[in-house]
Amino acid sequence: MKNTLILKVDPENLEMDKITIAANVIRNGGLVAFPTETVYGLGVDALNAEAVKRMYMVKMRPLDNPTIVHVSRISDVYRLSVEVP
């Protein structure tokens, strides 16, 4: 098991060094847990198959149960999707 790093982030005073650490974890195939308004989310690189498999394993989620992918631009939806209604 990998080491766990806890970074406390104040949304009113973002520290870019902490954001960079989290981004590097994701870039390197790791998982980042983060709070939302209602639940904790797990962030991974959606284009990294091994990271996605690890996320499913950690969540004990069936592989046939789709997950959400957040994108930064609407054009990414068309690039990453098989079908857009």
PDB file of N, CA and C in Angstrom:
ATOM      1  N   MET A   1       0.845  -1.188   0.000  1.00  0.00           N
ATOM      2  CA  MET A   1       0.000   0.000   0.000  1.00  0.00           C
ATOM      3  C   MET A   1       0.886   1.245   0.000  1.00  0.00           C
ATOM      4  N   LYS A   2       0.450   2.232  -0.730  1.00  0.00           N
ATOM      5  CA  LYS A   2       1.196   3.486  -0.814  1.00  0.00           C
ATOM      6  C   LYS A   2       0.948   4.327   0.434  1.00  0.00           C
ATOM      7  N   ASN A   3       1.829   5.279   0.640  1.00  0.00           N
ATOM      8  CA  ASN A   3       1.652   6.210   1.757  1.00  0.00           C
ATOM      9  C   ASN A   3       0.496   7.156   1.469  1.00  0.00           C
ATOM     10  N   THR A   4      -0.169   7.562   2.517  1.00  0.00           N
ATOM     11  CA  THR A   4      -1.260   8.525   2.404  1.00  0.00           C
ATOM     12  C   THR A   4      -0.738   9.889   2.813  1.00  0.00           C
ATOM     13  N   LEU A   5      -1.035  10.879   2.002  1.00  0.00           N
ATOM     14  CA  LEU A   5      -0.647  12.258   2.287  1.00  0.00           C
ATOM     15  C   LEU A   5      -1.921  13.068   2.456  1.00  0.00           C
ATOM     16  N   ILE A   6      -2.036  13.760   3.561  1.00  0.00           N
ATOM     17  CA  ILE A   6      -3.205  14.601   3.812  1.00  0.00           C
ATOM     18  C   ILE A   6      -2.793  16.060   3.674  1.00  0.00           C
ATOM     19  N   LEU A   7      -3.456  16.743   2.738  1.00  0.00           N
ATOM     20  CA  LEU A   7      -3.201  18.167   2.505  1.00  0.00           C
ATOM     21  C   LEU A   7      -4.460  18.939   2.866  1.00  0.00           C
ATOM     22  N   LYS A   8      -4.371  19.819   3.825  1.00  0.00           N
ATOM     23  CA  LYS A   8      -5.517  20.651   4.186  1.00  0.00           C
ATOM     24  C   LYS A   8      -5.497  21.881   3.297  1.00  0.00           C
ATOM     25  N   VAL A   9      -6.615  22.084   2.597  1.00  0.00           N
ATOM     26  CA  VAL A   9      -6.719  23.189   1.647  1.00  0.00           C
ATOM     27  C   VAL A   9      -7.852  24.109   2.080  1.00  0.00           C
ATOM     28  N   ASP A  10      -7.551  25.369   2.199  1.00  0.00           N
ATOM     29  CA  ASP A  10      -8.549  26.384   2.545  1.00  0.00           C
ATOM     30  C   ASP A  10      -9.083  26.971   1.238  1.00  0.00           C
ATOM     31  N   PRO A  11     -10.360  26.747   0.923  1.00  0.00           N
ATOM     32  CA  PRO A  11     -10.900  27.264  -0.339  1.00  0.00           C
ATOM     33  C   PRO A  11     -10.845  28.790  -0.451  1.00  0.00           C
ATOM     34  N   GLU A  12     -10.718  29.457   0.678  1.00  0.00           N
ATOM     35  CA  GLU A  12     -10.623  30.919   0.669  1.00  0.00           C
ATOM     36  C   GLU A  12      -9.190  31.404   0.459  1.00  0.00           C
ATOM     37  N   ASN A  13      -8.228  30.494   0.596  1.00  0.00           N
ATOM     38  CA  ASN A  13      -6.820  30.865   0.466  1.00  0.00           C
ATOM     39  C   ASN A  13      -6.053  29.678  -0.143  1.00  0.00           C
ATOM     40  N   LEU A  14      -6.250  29.470  -1.442  1.00  0.00           N
ATOM     41  CA  LEU A  14      -5.635  28.318  -2.105  1.00  0.00           C
ATOM     42  C   LEU A  14      -4.119  28.444  -2.145  1.00  0.00           C
ATOM     43  N   GLU A  15      -3.467  27.359  -1.804  1.00  0.00           N
ATOM     44  CA  GLU A  15      -2.009  27.302  -1.857  1.00  0.00           C
ATOM     45  C   GLU A  15      -1.621  26.440  -3.063  1.00  0.00           C
ATOM     46  N   MET A  16      -1.036  27.068  -4.066  1.00  0.00           N
ATOM     47  CA  MET A  16      -0.742  26.369  -5.310  1.00  0.00           C
ATOM     48  C   MET A  16       0.210  25.200  -5.126  1.00  0.00           C
ATOM     49  N   ASP A  17       1.075  25.235  -4.139  1.00  0.00           N
ATOM     50  CA  ASP A  17       1.981  24.096  -3.942  1.00  0.00           C
ATOM     51  C   ASP A  17       1.188  22.834  -3.582  1.00  0.00           C
ATOM     52  N   LYS A  18       0.125  22.976  -2.811  1.00  0.00           N
ATOM     53  CA  LYS A  18      -0.707  21.823  -2.460  1.00  0.00           C
ATOM     54  C   LYS A  18      -1.516  21.341  -3.662  1.00  0.00           C
ATOM     55  N   ILE A  19      -2.026  22.272  -4.445  1.00  0.00           N
ATOM     56  CA  ILE A  19      -2.769  21.918  -5.656  1.00  0.00           C
ATOM     57  C   ILE A  19      -1.846  21.189  -6.627  1.00  0.00           C
ATOM     58  N   THR A  20      -0.618  21.653  -6.743  1.00  0.00           N
ATOM     59  CA  THR A  20       0.365  21.023  -7.632  1.00  0.00           C
ATOM     60  C   THR A  20       0.684  19.608  -7.179  1.00  0.00           C
ATOM     61  N   ILE A  21       0.813  19.400  -5.890  1.00  0.00           N
ATOM     62  CA  ILE A  21       1.075  18.048  -5.361  1.00  0.00           C
ATOM     63  C   ILE A  21      -0.069  17.115  -5.749  1.00  0.00           C
ATOM     64  N   ALA A  22      -1.305  17.545  -5.537  1.00  0.00           N
ATOM     65  CA  ALA A  22      -2.464  16.712  -5.878  1.00  0.00           C
ATOM     66  C   ALA A  22      -2.516  16.433  -7.380  1.00  0.00           C
ATOM     67  N   ALA A  23      -2.241  17.445  -8.184  1.00  0.00           N
ATOM     68  CA  ALA A  23      -2.240  17.268  -9.639  1.00  0.00           C
ATOM     69  C   ALA A  23      -1.174  16.269 -10.062  1.00  0.00           C
ATOM     70  N   ASN A  24      -0.012  16.318  -9.437  1.00  0.00           N
ATOM     71  CA  ASN A  24       1.062  15.376  -9.761  1.00  0.00           C
ATOM     72  C   ASN A  24       0.698  13.946  -9.366  1.00  0.00           C
ATOM     73  N   VAL A  25      -0.002  13.788  -8.246  1.00  0.00           N
ATOM     74  CA  VAL A  25      -0.467  12.458  -7.847  1.00  0.00           C
ATOM     75  C   VAL A  25      -1.367  11.894  -8.943  1.00  0.00           C
ATOM     76  N   ILE A  26      -2.304  12.698  -9.421  1.00  0.00           N
ATOM     77  CA  ILE A  26      -3.214  12.255 -10.481  1.00  0.00           C
ATOM     78  C   ILE A  26      -2.444  11.972 -11.765  1.00  0.00           C
ATOM     79  N   ARG A  27      -1.553  12.872 -12.162  1.00  0.00           N
ATOM     80  CA  ARG A  27      -0.750  12.667 -13.376  1.00  0.00           C
ATOM     81  C   ARG A  27       0.057  11.370 -13.327  1.00  0.00           C
ATOM     82  N   ASN A  28       0.476  10.981 -12.131  1.00  0.00           N
ATOM     83  CA  ASN A  28       1.295   9.778 -11.962  1.00  0.00           C
ATOM     84  C   ASN A  28       0.460   8.531 -11.696  1.00  0.00           C
ATOM     85  N   GLY A  29      -0.835   8.607 -11.940  1.00  0.00           N
ATOM     86  CA  GLY A  29      -1.697   7.436 -11.822  1.00  0.00           C
ATOM     87  C   GLY A  29      -2.277   7.202 -10.447  1.00  0.00           C
ATOM     88  N   GLY A  30      -2.127   8.171  -9.551  1.00  0.00           N
ATOM     89  CA  GLY A  30      -2.644   8.020  -8.197  1.00  0.00           C
ATOM     90  C   GLY A  30      -4.075   8.492  -8.054  1.00  0.00           C
ATOM     91  N   LEU A  31      -4.608   8.295  -6.865  1.00  0.00           N
ATOM     92  CA  LEU A  31      -5.962   8.717  -6.520  1.00  0.00           C
ATOM     93  C   LEU A  31      -5.901   9.871  -5.536  1.00  0.00           C
ATOM     94  N   VAL A  32      -6.822  10.808  -5.683  1.00  0.00           N
ATOM     95  CA  VAL A  32      -6.936  11.943  -4.764  1.00  0.00           C
ATOM     96  C   VAL A  32      -8.377  11.983  -4.249  1.00  0.00           C
ATOM     97  N   ALA A  33      -8.531  11.952  -2.939  1.00  0.00           N
ATOM     98  CA  ALA A  33      -9.857  12.081  -2.323  1.00  0.00           C
ATOM     99  C   ALA A  33     -10.095  13.551  -1.990  1.00  0.00           C
ATOM    100  N   PHE A  34     -11.325  13.989  -2.193  1.00  0.00           N
ATOM    101  CA  PHE A  34     -11.638  15.395  -1.924  1.00  0.00           C
ATOM    102  C   PHE A  34     -13.101  15.522  -1.508  1.00  0.00           C
ATOM    103  N   PRO A  35     -13.395  16.455  -0.618  1.00  0.00           N
ATOM    104  CA  PRO A  35     -14.783  16.650  -0.202  1.00  0.00           C
ATOM    105  C   PRO A  35     -15.557  17.468  -1.230  1.00  0.00           C
ATOM    106  N   THR A  36     -16.830  17.128  -1.366  1.00  0.00           N
ATOM    107  CA  THR A  36     -17.752  17.949  -2.155  1.00  0.00           C
ATOM    108  C   THR A  36     -18.831  18.430  -1.189  1.00  0.00           C
ATOM    109  N   GLU A  37     -19.906  18.996  -1.720  1.00  0.00           N
ATOM    110  CA  GLU A  37     -20.970  19.487  -0.851  1.00  0.00           C
ATOM    111  C   GLU A  37     -21.662  18.358  -0.096  1.00  0.00           C
ATOM    112  N   THR A  38     -21.683  17.148  -0.693  1.00  0.00           N
ATOM    113  CA  THR A  38     -22.469  16.062  -0.094  1.00  0.00           C
ATOM    114  C   THR A  38     -21.676  14.797   0.235  1.00  0.00           C
ATOM    115  N   VAL A  39     -20.619  14.508  -0.509  1.00  0.00           N
ATOM    116  CA  VAL A  39     -19.855  13.268  -0.324  1.00  0.00           C
ATOM    117  C   VAL A  39     -18.379  13.555  -0.568  1.00  0.00           C
ATOM    118  N   TYR A  40     -17.558  12.547  -0.336  1.00  0.00           N
ATOM    119  CA  TYR A  40     -16.163  12.634  -0.752  1.00  0.00           C
ATOM    120  C   TYR A  40     -16.053  12.026  -2.138  1.00  0.00           C
ATOM    121  N   GLY A  41     -15.265  12.658  -2.998  1.00  0.00           N
ATOM    122  CA  GLY A  41     -15.029  12.140  -4.330  1.00  0.00           C
ATOM    123  C   GLY A  41     -13.632  11.551  -4.428  1.00  0.00           C
ATOM    124  N   LEU A  42     -13.429  10.700  -5.423  1.00  0.00           N
ATOM    125  CA  LEU A  42     -12.107  10.184  -5.738  1.00  0.00           C
ATOM    126  C   LEU A  42     -11.752  10.675  -7.135  1.00  0.00           C
ATOM    127  N   GLY A  43     -10.629  11.356  -7.235  1.00  0.00           N
ATOM    128  CA  GLY A  43     -10.188  11.868  -8.523  1.00  0.00           C
ATOM    129  C   GLY A  43      -9.034  11.057  -9.065  1.00  0.00           C
ATOM    130  N   VAL A  44      -9.130  10.709 -10.356  1.00  0.00           N
ATOM    131  CA  VAL A  44      -8.054  10.016 -11.063  1.00  0.00           C
ATOM    132  C   VAL A  44      -7.997  10.576 -12.480  1.00  0.00           C
ATOM    133  N   ASP A  45      -6.951  10.225 -13.196  1.00  0.00           N
ATOM    134  CA  ASP A  45      -6.853  10.561 -14.610  1.00  0.00           C
ATOM    135  C   ASP A  45      -7.756   9.589 -15.360  1.00  0.00           C
ATOM    136  N   ALA A  46      -8.868  10.082 -15.897  1.00  0.00           N
ATOM    137  CA  ALA A  46      -9.844   9.231 -16.570  1.00  0.00           C
ATOM    138  C   ALA A  46      -9.291   8.574 -17.827  1.00  0.00           C
ATOM    139  N   LEU A  47      -8.159   9.055 -18.334  1.00  0.00           N
ATOM    140  CA  LEU A  47      -7.547   8.466 -19.517  1.00  0.00           C
ATOM    141  C   LEU A  47      -6.460   7.455 -19.163  1.00  0.00           C
ATOM    142  N   ASN A  48      -6.247   7.219 -17.875  1.00  0.00           N
ATOM    143  CA  ASN A  48      -5.264   6.256 -17.403  1.00  0.00           C
ATOM    144  C   ASN A  48      -6.024   5.007 -16.940  1.00  0.00           C
ATOM    145  N   ALA A  49      -6.011   3.959 -17.769  1.00  0.00           N
ATOM    146  CA  ALA A  49      -6.806   2.756 -17.497  1.00  0.00           C
ATOM    147  C   ALA A  49      -6.453   2.127 -16.157  1.00  0.00           C
ATOM    148  N   GLU A  50      -5.178   2.087 -15.808  1.00  0.00           N
ATOM    149  CA  GLU A  50      -4.777   1.492 -14.529  1.00  0.00           C
ATOM    150  C   GLU A  50      -5.306   2.298 -13.348  1.00  0.00           C
ATOM    151  N   ALA A  51      -5.276   3.627 -13.458  1.00  0.00           N
ATOM    152  CA  ALA A  51      -5.792   4.479 -12.383  1.00  0.00           C
ATOM    153  C   ALA A  51      -7.296   4.290 -12.226  1.00  0.00           C
ATOM    154  N   VAL A  52      -7.999   4.173 -13.343  1.00  0.00           N
ATOM    155  CA  VAL A  52      -9.449   3.966 -13.288  1.00  0.00           C
ATOM    156  C   VAL A  52      -9.759   2.613 -12.657  1.00  0.00           C
ATOM    157  N   LYS A  53      -9.023   1.563 -13.037  1.00  0.00           N
ATOM    158  CA  LYS A  53      -9.218   0.234 -12.429  1.00  0.00           C
ATOM    159  C   LYS A  53      -8.984   0.294 -10.917  1.00  0.00           C
ATOM    160  N   ARG A  54      -7.934   1.014 -10.511  1.00  0.00           N
ATOM    161  CA  ARG A  54      -7.626   1.145  -9.089  1.00  0.00           C
ATOM    162  C   ARG A  54      -8.764   1.852  -8.354  1.00  0.00           C
ATOM    163  N   MET A  55      -9.326   2.899  -8.980  1.00  0.00           N
ATOM    164  CA  MET A  55     -10.434   3.618  -8.368  1.00  0.00           C
ATOM    165  C   MET A  55     -11.627   2.676  -8.165  1.00  0.00           C
ATOM    166  N   TYR A  56     -11.943   1.882  -9.180  1.00  0.00           N
ATOM    167  CA  TYR A  56     -13.052   0.930  -9.052  1.00  0.00           C
ATOM    168  C   TYR A  56     -12.780  -0.063  -7.926  1.00  0.00           C
ATOM    169  N   MET A  57     -11.543  -0.530  -7.825  1.00  0.00           N
ATOM    170  CA  MET A  57     -11.184  -1.487  -6.787  1.00  0.00           C
ATOM    171  C   MET A  57     -11.333  -0.860  -5.396  1.00  0.00           C
ATOM    172  N   VAL A  58     -10.799   0.356  -5.234  1.00  0.00           N
ATOM    173  CA  VAL A  58     -10.867   1.037  -3.934  1.00  0.00           C
ATOM    174  C   VAL A  58     -12.315   1.278  -3.529  1.00  0.00           C
ATOM    175  N   LYS A  59     -13.147   1.654  -4.487  1.00  0.00           N
ATOM    176  CA  LYS A  59     -14.554   1.930  -4.184  1.00  0.00           C
ATOM    177  C   LYS A  59     -15.388   0.650  -4.099  1.00  0.00           C
ATOM    178  N   MET A  60     -14.782  -0.491  -4.485  1.00  0.00           N
ATOM    179  CA  MET A  60     -15.514  -1.757  -4.572  1.00  0.00           C
ATOM    180  C   MET A  60     -16.745  -1.592  -5.467  1.00  0.00           C
ATOM    181  N   ARG A  61     -16.529  -0.894  -6.576  1.00  0.00           N
ATOM    182  CA  ARG A  61     -17.591  -0.595  -7.522  1.00  0.00           C
ATOM    183  C   ARG A  61     -17.543  -1.612  -8.665  1.00  0.00           C
ATOM    184  N   PRO A  62     -18.661  -2.189  -9.066  1.00  0.00           N
ATOM    185  CA  PRO A  62     -18.651  -3.125 -10.196  1.00  0.00           C
ATOM    186  C   PRO A  62     -18.154  -2.428 -11.472  1.00  0.00           C
ATOM    187  N   LEU A  63     -17.358  -3.148 -12.242  1.00  0.00           N
ATOM    188  CA  LEU A  63     -16.776  -2.557 -13.455  1.00  0.00           C
ATOM    189  C   LEU A  63     -17.829  -2.177 -14.498  1.00  0.00           C
ATOM    190  N   ASP A  64     -19.021  -2.749 -14.406  1.00  0.00           N
ATOM    191  CA  ASP A  64     -20.064  -2.404 -15.374  1.00  0.00           C
ATOM    192  C   ASP A  64     -20.936  -1.239 -14.908  1.00  0.00           C
ATOM    193  N   ASN A  65     -20.542  -0.601 -13.800  1.00  0.00           N
ATOM    194  CA  ASN A  65     -21.267   0.559 -13.275  1.00  0.00           C
ATOM    195  C   ASN A  65     -20.485   1.817 -13.651  1.00  0.00           C
ATOM    196  N   PRO A  66     -20.965   2.572 -14.650  1.00  0.00           N
ATOM    197  CA  PRO A  66     -20.200   3.735 -15.123  1.00  0.00           C
ATOM    198  C   PRO A  66     -19.981   4.786 -14.041  1.00  0.00           C
ATOM    199  N   THR A  67     -18.984   5.602 -14.263  1.00  0.00           N
ATOM    200  CA  THR A  67     -18.654   6.671 -13.326  1.00  0.00           C
ATOM    201  C   THR A  67     -18.685   8.014 -14.049  1.00  0.00           C
ATOM    202  N   ILE A  68     -18.594   9.070 -13.315  1.00  0.00           N
ATOM    203  CA  ILE A  68     -18.619  10.426 -13.868  1.00  0.00           C
ATOM    204  C   ILE A  68     -17.211  10.838 -14.273  1.00  0.00           C
ATOM    205  N   VAL A  69     -17.122  11.545 -15.391  1.00  0.00           N
ATOM    206  CA  VAL A  69     -15.858  12.159 -15.806  1.00  0.00           C
ATOM    207  C   VAL A  69     -16.117  13.655 -15.950  1.00  0.00           C
ATOM    208  N   HIS A  70     -15.355  14.454 -15.221  1.00  0.00           N
ATOM    209  CA  HIS A  70     -15.473  15.903 -15.321  1.00  0.00           C
ATOM    210  C   HIS A  70     -14.488  16.401 -16.378  1.00  0.00           C
ATOM    211  N   VAL A  71     -14.934  17.338 -17.190  1.00  0.00           N
ATOM    212  CA  VAL A  71     -14.077  17.901 -18.239  1.00  0.00           C
ATOM    213  C   VAL A  71     -14.026  19.412 -18.084  1.00  0.00           C
ATOM    214  N   SER A  72     -12.993  20.010 -18.649  1.00  0.00           N
ATOM    215  CA  SER A  72     -12.839  21.457 -18.501  1.00  0.00           C
ATOM    216  C   SER A  72     -13.452  22.244 -19.657  1.00  0.00           C
ATOM    217  N   ARG A  73     -13.662  21.590 -20.787  1.00  0.00           N
ATOM    218  CA  ARG A  73     -14.237  22.272 -21.948  1.00  0.00           C
ATOM    219  C   ARG A  73     -15.315  21.391 -22.572  1.00  0.00           C
ATOM    220  N   ILE A  74     -16.362  22.015 -23.105  1.00  0.00           N
ATOM    221  CA  ILE A  74     -17.440  21.258 -23.739  1.00  0.00           C
ATOM    222  C   ILE A  74     -16.904  20.435 -24.910  1.00  0.00           C
ATOM    223  N   SER A  75     -15.882  20.911 -25.587  1.00  0.00           N
ATOM    224  CA  SER A  75     -15.319  20.155 -26.715  1.00  0.00           C
ATOM    225  C   SER A  75     -14.734  18.822 -26.251  1.00  0.00           C
ATOM    226  N   ASP A  76     -14.311  18.742 -24.990  1.00  0.00           N
ATOM    227  CA  ASP A  76     -13.790  17.483 -24.451  1.00  0.00           C
ATOM    228  C   ASP A  76     -14.871  16.410 -24.401  1.00  0.00           C
ATOM    229  N   VAL A  77     -16.105  16.811 -24.182  1.00  0.00           N
ATOM    230  CA  VAL A  77     -17.206  15.854 -24.135  1.00  0.00           C
ATOM    231  C   VAL A  77     -17.282  15.103 -25.466  1.00  0.00           C
ATOM    232  N   TYR A  78     -17.206  15.823 -26.561  1.00  0.00           N
ATOM    233  CA  TYR A  78     -17.308  15.204 -27.882  1.00  0.00           C
ATOM    234  C   TYR A  78     -16.067  14.371 -28.204  1.00  0.00           C
ATOM    235  N   ARG A  79     -14.928  14.785 -27.720  1.00  0.00           N
ATOM    236  CA  ARG A  79     -13.681  14.054 -27.969  1.00  0.00           C
ATOM    237  C   ARG A  79     -13.627  12.756 -27.171  1.00  0.00           C
ATOM    238  N   LEU A  80     -14.222  12.739 -25.979  1.00  0.00           N
ATOM    239  CA  LEU A  80     -14.102  11.593 -25.086  1.00  0.00           C
ATOM    240  C   LEU A  80     -15.311  10.663 -25.084  1.00  0.00           C
ATOM    241  N   SER A  81     -16.414  11.077 -25.685  1.00  0.00           N
ATOM    242  CA  SER A  81     -17.647  10.290 -25.627  1.00  0.00           C
ATOM    243  C   SER A  81     -17.868   9.474 -26.890  1.00  0.00           C
ATOM    244  N   VAL A  82     -18.540   8.354 -26.695  1.00  0.00           N
ATOM    245  CA  VAL A  82     -18.941   7.532 -27.830  1.00  0.00           C
ATOM    246  C   VAL A  82     -20.176   8.145 -28.479  1.00  0.00           C
ATOM    247  N   GLU A  83     -21.076   8.615 -27.623  1.00  0.00           N
ATOM    248  CA  GLU A  83     -22.321   9.200 -28.124  1.00  0.00           C
ATOM    249  C   GLU A  83     -22.731  10.343 -27.207  1.00  0.00           C
ATOM    250  N   VAL A  84     -23.126  11.463 -27.801  1.00  0.00           N
ATOM    251  CA  VAL A  84     -23.614  12.611 -27.040  1.00  0.00           C
ATOM    252  C   VAL A  84     -25.047  12.858 -27.472  1.00  0.00           C
ATOM    253  N   PRO A  85     -25.994  12.731 -26.526  1.00  0.00           N
ATOM    254  CA  PRO A  85     -27.409  12.917 -26.895  1.00  0.00           C
ATOM    255  C   PRO A  85     -27.707  14.350 -27.313  1.00  0.00           C
TER     256      PRO A  85
END
